[in-house]
Amino acid sequence: MGNQQTGIEMLPLLALLSLLLLVLLGLWYWMAMRGRAQRRAREQTQQAAHDVLVQGVQGLLLQLQSIAEGFPSQDPARLALERLLDRADALLLADREALADRDGRV
């Protein structure tokens, strides 16, 4: 039993291990927070790109609506454009609802 250390002799080793554990926990926490911030930034970028796309599509739809209104009310071209505009409106509404569901909004 000549090689056994007493509790007092092991204190520096325990302190070093505790410090190492604290450093590792701090590093883990920092990495988790950094990852969360990166995800948040990526989501904001994606949301901004989506908003630009939707606004662009809405602008195109308004222009198409204006063109359709230039045709006589029973013109086949106007009727076809109005059907396409209705479908586009339905797609935009579905997109808005999907985003609301994803984000937990009602």
N, C-alpha and C. Protein backbone atom coordinates (compact mmCIF):
# COMPACT_ATOMS: atom_id res chain seq x y z
N MET A 1 0.80 -1.18 0.00
CA MET A 1 0.00 0.00 0.00
C MET A 1 0.85 1.25 0.00
N GLY A 2 2.04 1.15 -0.43
CA GLY A 2 2.95 2.26 -0.38
C GLY A 2 2.68 3.32 -1.44
N ASN A 3 1.92 3.01 -2.50
CA ASN A 3 1.71 3.94 -3.60
C ASN A 3 0.38 4.68 -3.52
N GLN A 4 -0.44 4.45 -2.53
CA GLN A 4 -1.74 5.10 -2.41
C GLN A 4 -1.57 6.55 -1.98
N GLN A 5 -2.39 7.45 -2.62
CA GLN A 5 -2.35 8.86 -2.27
C GLN A 5 -3.47 9.16 -1.30
N THR A 6 -3.21 10.12 -0.45
CA THR A 6 -4.25 10.54 0.48
C THR A 6 -5.16 11.53 -0.23
N GLY A 7 -6.31 11.83 0.37
CA GLY A 7 -7.27 12.77 -0.21
C GLY A 7 -6.66 14.14 -0.41
N ILE A 8 -5.82 14.57 0.51
CA ILE A 8 -5.21 15.90 0.41
C ILE A 8 -4.25 15.95 -0.77
N GLU A 9 -3.52 14.87 -1.03
CA GLU A 9 -2.58 14.85 -2.14
C GLU A 9 -3.30 14.86 -3.49
N MET A 10 -4.55 14.40 -3.55
CA MET A 10 -5.30 14.34 -4.79
C MET A 10 -6.04 15.65 -5.09
N LEU A 11 -6.07 16.59 -4.17
CA LEU A 11 -6.80 17.84 -4.37
C LEU A 11 -6.34 18.61 -5.60
N PRO A 12 -5.04 18.76 -5.87
CA PRO A 12 -4.64 19.48 -7.09
C PRO A 12 -5.14 18.79 -8.36
N LEU A 13 -5.13 17.48 -8.37
CA LEU A 13 -5.62 16.74 -9.53
C LEU A 13 -7.13 16.94 -9.70
N LEU A 14 -7.88 16.88 -8.61
CA LEU A 14 -9.32 17.10 -8.67
C LEU A 14 -9.64 18.53 -9.11
N ALA A 15 -8.86 19.50 -8.62
CA ALA A 15 -9.07 20.89 -9.01
C ALA A 15 -8.81 21.06 -10.51
N LEU A 16 -7.76 20.43 -11.00
CA LEU A 16 -7.43 20.51 -12.43
C LEU A 16 -8.53 19.86 -13.27
N LEU A 17 -9.01 18.71 -12.85
CA LEU A 17 -10.09 18.03 -13.57
C LEU A 17 -11.37 18.86 -13.55
N SER A 18 -11.66 19.49 -12.41
CA SER A 18 -12.85 20.35 -12.30
C SER A 18 -12.73 21.54 -13.23
N LEU A 19 -11.55 22.13 -13.26
CA LEU A 19 -11.33 23.27 -14.14
C LEU A 19 -11.47 22.86 -15.61
N LEU A 20 -10.93 21.71 -15.95
CA LEU A 20 -11.05 21.21 -17.31
C LEU A 20 -12.51 20.98 -17.67
N LEU A 21 -13.27 20.43 -16.75
CA LEU A 21 -14.68 20.19 -16.98
C LEU A 21 -15.42 21.51 -17.19
N LEU A 22 -15.11 22.52 -16.39
CA LEU A 22 -15.74 23.83 -16.54
C LEU A 22 -15.39 24.46 -17.89
N VAL A 23 -14.15 24.32 -18.31
CA VAL A 23 -13.73 24.86 -19.61
C VAL A 23 -14.48 24.15 -20.73
N LEU A 24 -14.60 22.84 -20.64
CA LEU A 24 -15.31 22.08 -21.67
C LEU A 24 -16.79 22.45 -21.71
N LEU A 25 -17.41 22.62 -20.55
CA LEU A 25 -18.81 23.04 -20.51
C LEU A 25 -18.99 24.44 -21.08
N GLY A 26 -18.08 25.33 -20.76
CA GLY A 26 -18.13 26.68 -21.32
C GLY A 26 -17.97 26.67 -22.82
N LEU A 27 -17.06 25.87 -23.32
CA LEU A 27 -16.86 25.75 -24.77
C LEU A 27 -18.10 25.17 -25.45
N TRP A 28 -18.68 24.16 -24.85
CA TRP A 28 -19.91 23.56 -25.39
C TRP A 28 -21.02 24.61 -25.45
N TYR A 29 -21.19 25.38 -24.37
CA TYR A 29 -22.23 26.41 -24.31
C TYR A 29 -21.98 27.47 -25.38
N TRP A 30 -20.74 27.91 -25.52
CA TRP A 30 -20.40 28.93 -26.52
C TRP A 30 -20.72 28.43 -27.93
N MET A 31 -20.37 27.17 -28.21
CA MET A 31 -20.64 26.60 -29.53
C MET A 31 -22.14 26.49 -29.78
N ALA A 32 -22.89 26.12 -28.76
CA ALA A 32 -24.35 26.01 -28.91
C ALA A 32 -24.95 27.38 -29.20
N MET A 33 -24.52 28.40 -28.50
CA MET A 33 -25.04 29.75 -28.72
C MET A 33 -24.65 30.28 -30.10
N ARG A 34 -23.44 29.98 -30.51
CA ARG A 34 -22.97 30.40 -31.84
C ARG A 34 -23.78 29.71 -32.92
N GLY A 35 -24.05 28.43 -32.75
CA GLY A 35 -24.86 27.70 -33.73
C GLY A 35 -26.27 28.25 -33.79
N ARG A 36 -26.83 28.60 -32.64
CA ARG A 36 -28.18 29.17 -32.60
C ARG A 36 -28.20 30.52 -33.32
N ALA A 37 -27.20 31.33 -33.11
CA ALA A 37 -27.13 32.65 -33.77
C ALA A 37 -26.98 32.48 -35.28
N GLN A 38 -26.20 31.50 -35.71
CA GLN A 38 -26.02 31.27 -37.14
C GLN A 38 -27.32 30.79 -37.78
N ARG A 39 -28.04 29.92 -37.08
CA ARG A 39 -29.33 29.44 -37.59
C ARG A 39 -30.32 30.61 -37.71
N ARG A 40 -30.34 31.46 -36.69
CA ARG A 40 -31.24 32.62 -36.70
C ARG A 40 -30.89 33.54 -37.88
N ALA A 41 -29.61 33.78 -38.11
CA ALA A 41 -29.19 34.65 -39.23
C ALA A 41 -29.57 34.01 -40.57
N ARG A 42 -29.38 32.70 -40.68
CA ARG A 42 -29.73 32.00 -41.92
C ARG A 42 -31.23 32.07 -42.17
N GLU A 43 -32.03 31.89 -41.12
CA GLU A 43 -33.48 31.96 -41.27
C GLU A 43 -33.92 33.36 -41.67
N GLN A 44 -33.29 34.39 -41.11
CA GLN A 44 -33.63 35.76 -41.47
C GLN A 44 -33.28 36.05 -42.92
N THR A 45 -32.16 35.52 -43.39
CA THR A 45 -31.77 35.70 -44.79
C THR A 45 -32.76 35.01 -45.71
N GLN A 46 -33.16 33.78 -45.34
CA GLN A 46 -34.12 33.05 -46.15
C GLN A 46 -35.47 33.76 -46.16
N GLN A 47 -35.89 34.30 -45.03
CA GLN A 47 -37.16 35.02 -44.96
C GLN A 47 -37.12 36.26 -45.84
N ALA A 48 -36.01 36.98 -45.80
CA ALA A 48 -35.87 38.18 -46.63
C ALA A 48 -35.92 37.82 -48.12
N ALA A 49 -35.23 36.75 -48.50
CA ALA A 49 -35.24 36.32 -49.90
C ALA A 49 -36.65 35.91 -50.32
N HIS A 50 -37.35 35.22 -49.44
CA HIS A 50 -38.72 34.79 -49.73
C HIS A 50 -39.62 36.01 -49.89
N ASP A 51 -39.48 36.99 -49.02
CA ASP A 51 -40.29 38.20 -49.10
C ASP A 51 -40.07 38.94 -50.42
N VAL A 52 -38.80 39.03 -50.85
CA VAL A 52 -38.48 39.69 -52.12
C VAL A 52 -39.14 38.93 -53.27
N LEU A 53 -39.06 37.61 -53.22
CA LEU A 53 -39.66 36.79 -54.29
C LEU A 53 -41.17 36.98 -54.33
N VAL A 54 -41.82 36.92 -53.18
CA VAL A 54 -43.28 37.08 -53.14
C VAL A 54 -43.68 38.46 -53.63
N GLN A 55 -42.96 39.48 -53.21
CA GLN A 55 -43.30 40.84 -53.66
C GLN A 55 -43.11 40.98 -55.17
N GLY A 56 -42.07 40.35 -55.70
CA GLY A 56 -41.86 40.38 -57.14
C GLY A 56 -42.98 39.68 -57.89
N VAL A 57 -43.40 38.53 -57.39
CA VAL A 57 -44.50 37.80 -58.03
C VAL A 57 -45.79 38.61 -57.94
N GLN A 58 -46.04 39.23 -56.81
CA GLN A 58 -47.24 40.05 -56.68
C GLN A 58 -47.21 41.22 -57.66
N GLY A 59 -46.06 41.82 -57.85
CA GLY A 59 -45.93 42.89 -58.84
C GLY A 59 -46.24 42.41 -60.25
N LEU A 60 -45.72 41.22 -60.59
CA LEU A 60 -46.02 40.65 -61.91
C LEU A 60 -47.51 40.37 -62.06
N LEU A 61 -48.12 39.87 -61.01
CA LEU A 61 -49.55 39.57 -61.07
C LEU A 61 -50.38 40.83 -61.26
N LEU A 62 -49.97 41.92 -60.63
CA LEU A 62 -50.69 43.19 -60.81
C LEU A 62 -50.55 43.68 -62.26
N GLN A 63 -49.38 43.50 -62.83
CA GLN A 63 -49.19 43.89 -64.22
C GLN A 63 -50.04 43.03 -65.16
N LEU A 64 -50.07 41.72 -64.87
CA LEU A 64 -50.91 40.82 -65.69
C LEU A 64 -52.38 41.17 -65.54
N GLN A 65 -52.80 41.53 -64.33
CA GLN A 65 -54.19 41.93 -64.11
C GLN A 65 -54.52 43.17 -64.94
N SER A 66 -53.59 44.10 -64.96
CA SER A 66 -53.79 45.32 -65.75
C SER A 66 -53.90 44.98 -67.24
N ILE A 67 -53.09 44.08 -67.71
CA ILE A 67 -53.15 43.67 -69.12
C ILE A 67 -54.48 42.98 -69.40
N ALA A 68 -54.91 42.09 -68.49
CA ALA A 68 -56.16 41.37 -68.68
C ALA A 68 -57.34 42.33 -68.76
N GLU A 69 -57.30 43.37 -67.96
CA GLU A 69 -58.40 44.33 -67.95
C GLU A 69 -58.47 45.14 -69.24
N GLY A 70 -57.41 45.11 -70.02
CA GLY A 70 -57.40 45.80 -71.31
C GLY A 70 -58.15 45.04 -72.40
N PHE A 71 -58.44 43.78 -72.16
CA PHE A 71 -59.18 42.97 -73.13
C PHE A 71 -60.69 43.10 -72.86
N PRO A 72 -61.49 42.89 -73.88
CA PRO A 72 -62.95 42.85 -73.65
C PRO A 72 -63.30 41.75 -72.64
N SER A 73 -64.39 41.94 -71.90
CA SER A 73 -64.73 41.04 -70.79
C SER A 73 -64.91 39.58 -71.20
N GLN A 74 -65.34 39.30 -72.41
CA GLN A 74 -65.55 37.91 -72.83
C GLN A 74 -64.45 37.39 -73.75
N ASP A 75 -63.39 38.13 -73.90
CA ASP A 75 -62.28 37.70 -74.76
C ASP A 75 -61.63 36.47 -74.15
N PRO A 76 -61.39 35.42 -74.97
CA PRO A 76 -60.76 34.20 -74.45
C PRO A 76 -59.40 34.46 -73.79
N ALA A 77 -58.64 35.41 -74.30
CA ALA A 77 -57.34 35.72 -73.70
C ALA A 77 -57.53 36.29 -72.30
N ARG A 78 -58.52 37.17 -72.14
CA ARG A 78 -58.77 37.74 -70.80
C ARG A 78 -59.23 36.65 -69.84
N LEU A 79 -60.11 35.78 -70.30
CA LEU A 79 -60.61 34.71 -69.43
C LEU A 79 -59.47 33.77 -69.02
N ALA A 80 -58.58 33.49 -69.96
CA ALA A 80 -57.43 32.62 -69.65
C ALA A 80 -56.51 33.30 -68.63
N LEU A 81 -56.25 34.59 -68.84
CA LEU A 81 -55.41 35.33 -67.89
C LEU A 81 -56.05 35.38 -66.50
N GLU A 82 -57.35 35.59 -66.45
CA GLU A 82 -58.03 35.65 -65.14
C GLU A 82 -57.97 34.30 -64.42
N ARG A 83 -58.07 33.21 -65.17
CA ARG A 83 -57.94 31.87 -64.54
C ARG A 83 -56.53 31.69 -63.98
N LEU A 84 -55.53 32.11 -64.75
CA LEU A 84 -54.14 32.01 -64.28
C LEU A 84 -53.91 32.90 -63.06
N LEU A 85 -54.49 34.08 -63.07
CA LEU A 85 -54.36 34.97 -61.93
C LEU A 85 -55.03 34.39 -60.68
N ASP A 86 -56.17 33.75 -60.87
CA ASP A 86 -56.84 33.09 -59.74
C ASP A 86 -55.97 31.98 -59.17
N ARG A 87 -55.35 31.20 -60.05
CA ARG A 87 -54.47 30.12 -59.58
C ARG A 87 -53.26 30.70 -58.85
N ALA A 88 -52.71 31.79 -59.37
CA ALA A 88 -51.55 32.42 -58.72
C ALA A 88 -51.95 32.96 -57.35
N ASP A 89 -53.13 33.57 -57.25
CA ASP A 89 -53.60 34.05 -55.94
C ASP A 89 -53.74 32.89 -54.96
N ALA A 90 -54.25 31.77 -55.43
CA ALA A 90 -54.41 30.60 -54.56
C ALA A 90 -53.04 30.08 -54.10
N LEU A 91 -52.05 30.10 -54.99
CA LEU A 91 -50.70 29.67 -54.61
C LEU A 91 -50.10 30.59 -53.56
N LEU A 92 -50.27 31.90 -53.73
CA LEU A 92 -49.75 32.85 -52.75
C LEU A 92 -50.44 32.68 -51.40
N LEU A 93 -51.74 32.44 -51.43
CA LEU A 93 -52.47 32.22 -50.18
C LEU A 93 -51.99 30.94 -49.50
N ALA A 94 -51.79 29.88 -50.27
CA ALA A 94 -51.29 28.62 -49.70
C ALA A 94 -49.91 28.81 -49.11
N ASP A 95 -49.07 29.59 -49.79
CA ASP A 95 -47.73 29.87 -49.28
C ASP A 95 -47.81 30.63 -47.96
N ARG A 96 -48.66 31.63 -47.89
CA ARG A 96 -48.82 32.42 -46.67
C ARG A 96 -49.31 31.53 -45.51
N GLU A 97 -50.25 30.64 -45.80
CA GLU A 97 -50.77 29.75 -44.77
C GLU A 97 -49.71 28.75 -44.31
N ALA A 98 -48.91 28.25 -45.26
CA ALA A 98 -47.84 27.32 -44.90
C ALA A 98 -46.82 27.99 -44.00
N LEU A 99 -46.47 29.24 -44.30
CA LEU A 99 -45.54 29.98 -43.45
C LEU A 99 -46.12 30.22 -42.07
N ALA A 100 -47.41 30.55 -42.02
CA ALA A 100 -48.05 30.78 -40.73
C ALA A 100 -48.07 29.50 -39.90
N ASP A 101 -48.35 28.38 -40.53
CA ASP A 101 -48.34 27.09 -39.82
C ASP A 101 -46.95 26.75 -39.32
N ARG A 102 -45.94 26.99 -40.16
CA ARG A 102 -44.56 26.68 -39.79
C ARG A 102 -44.09 27.53 -38.62
N ASP A 103 -44.49 28.80 -38.65
CA ASP A 103 -44.05 29.72 -37.61
C ASP A 103 -44.95 29.69 -36.38
N GLY A 104 -46.03 28.91 -36.44
CA GLY A 104 -46.93 28.81 -35.29
C GLY A 104 -47.88 29.98 -35.17
N ARG A 105 -48.02 30.73 -36.25
CA ARG A 105 -48.97 31.85 -36.25
C ARG A 105 -50.31 31.38 -36.76
N VAL A 106 -51.33 32.12 -36.43
CA VAL A 106 -52.68 31.79 -36.92
C VAL A 106 -53.19 32.92 -37.76
